[in-house]
Amino acid sequence: MKQKMKIARIYYNWWGNANIENRLWVLLNPDGEVEDYHRRKTLVAQAKRNGWKYRVERWHKKQRGKMTILEKNY
């Protein structure tokens, strides 16, 4: 049986008015715990430092349920 890959998710929900560089993103670690709310670059660095496989997701405001993967390391 193939085991599901555990990855960290860094995502930004569509709500909020901040400039994209200043938005607070969410880091959900591979075990499902919320690690941090911070800027995207900081969370990517944290995932790399912990040795996690990660992906950065952008959820679209006007197209409910649509998500784009902006970056991943696997």
Protein backbone atom coordinates (compact mmCIF):
# COMPACT_ATOMS: atom_id res chain seq x y z
CA MET A 1 0.00 0.00 0.00
CA LYS A 2 1.38 3.40 -0.98
CA GLN A 3 1.70 5.82 1.92
CA LYS A 4 0.47 9.40 1.50
CA MET A 5 3.26 12.00 1.47
CA LYS A 6 3.16 14.36 4.45
CA ILE A 7 3.86 17.96 3.51
CA ALA A 8 3.69 21.35 5.17
CA ARG A 9 1.17 23.75 3.63
CA ILE A 10 1.82 27.47 3.48
CA TYR A 11 -1.29 29.23 2.34
CA TYR A 12 -3.04 32.56 2.16
CA ASN A 13 -6.79 32.73 2.21
CA TRP A 14 -8.27 35.33 -0.08
CA TRP A 15 -9.61 37.63 2.62
CA GLY A 16 -7.56 40.59 3.76
CA ASN A 17 -6.49 43.87 2.21
CA ALA A 18 -2.74 43.96 2.80
CA ASN A 19 -0.23 44.19 -0.02
CA ILE A 20 0.77 40.67 -1.14
CA GLU A 21 4.29 41.09 0.29
CA ASN A 22 2.93 42.07 3.73
CA ARG A 23 0.12 39.53 4.10
CA LEU A 24 0.18 37.07 6.95
CA TRP A 25 0.31 33.52 5.62
CA VAL A 26 -0.46 30.35 7.57
CA LEU A 27 1.99 27.45 8.01
CA LEU A 28 0.30 24.11 8.64
CA ASN A 29 2.98 21.58 9.57
CA PRO A 30 2.99 17.99 8.22
CA ASP A 31 1.25 16.75 11.38
CA GLY A 32 -1.66 19.16 10.88
CA GLU A 33 -0.75 21.70 13.56
CA VAL A 34 -0.81 25.43 12.82
CA GLU A 35 2.76 26.57 13.29
CA ASP A 36 2.73 30.28 12.56
CA TYR A 37 1.13 33.28 10.91
CA HIS A 38 3.85 35.28 9.21
CA ARG A 39 5.12 36.57 5.88
CA ARG A 40 5.53 33.98 3.15
CA LYS A 41 9.34 34.12 2.92
CA THR A 42 9.69 33.59 6.67
CA LEU A 43 7.42 30.53 6.63
CA VAL A 44 9.21 28.99 3.63
CA ALA A 45 12.52 29.46 5.48
CA GLN A 46 11.03 27.82 8.58
CA ALA A 47 9.82 24.81 6.56
CA LYS A 48 13.26 24.43 4.96
CA ARG A 49 14.98 24.74 8.34
CA ASN A 50 12.80 21.94 9.73
CA GLY A 51 13.50 19.75 6.70
CA TRP A 52 9.84 19.55 5.65
CA LYS A 53 8.52 19.07 2.16
CA TYR A 54 6.25 22.07 1.57
CA ARG A 55 4.04 23.82 -0.91
CA VAL A 56 2.83 27.41 -1.07
CA GLU A 57 -0.85 27.70 -2.02
CA ARG A 58 -2.87 30.68 -3.17
CA TRP A 59 -6.62 30.34 -2.89
CA HIS A 60 -8.53 32.52 -5.36
CA LYS A 61 -11.08 35.07 -4.23
CA LYS A 62 -13.35 35.19 -7.24
CA GLN A 63 -13.17 31.50 -8.13
CA ARG A 64 -14.25 29.62 -5.01
CA GLY A 65 -12.44 26.35 -4.55
CA LYS A 66 -9.65 27.21 -7.02
CA MET A 67 -6.11 26.97 -5.73
CA THR A 68 -2.78 27.63 -7.43
CA ILE A 69 0.49 26.15 -6.16
CA LEU A 70 3.02 28.98 -6.22
CA GLU A 71 6.05 27.05 -4.98
CA LYS A 72 6.97 23.56 -3.80
CA ASN A 73 10.11 21.59 -2.96
CA TYR A 74 9.08 18.03 -3.85
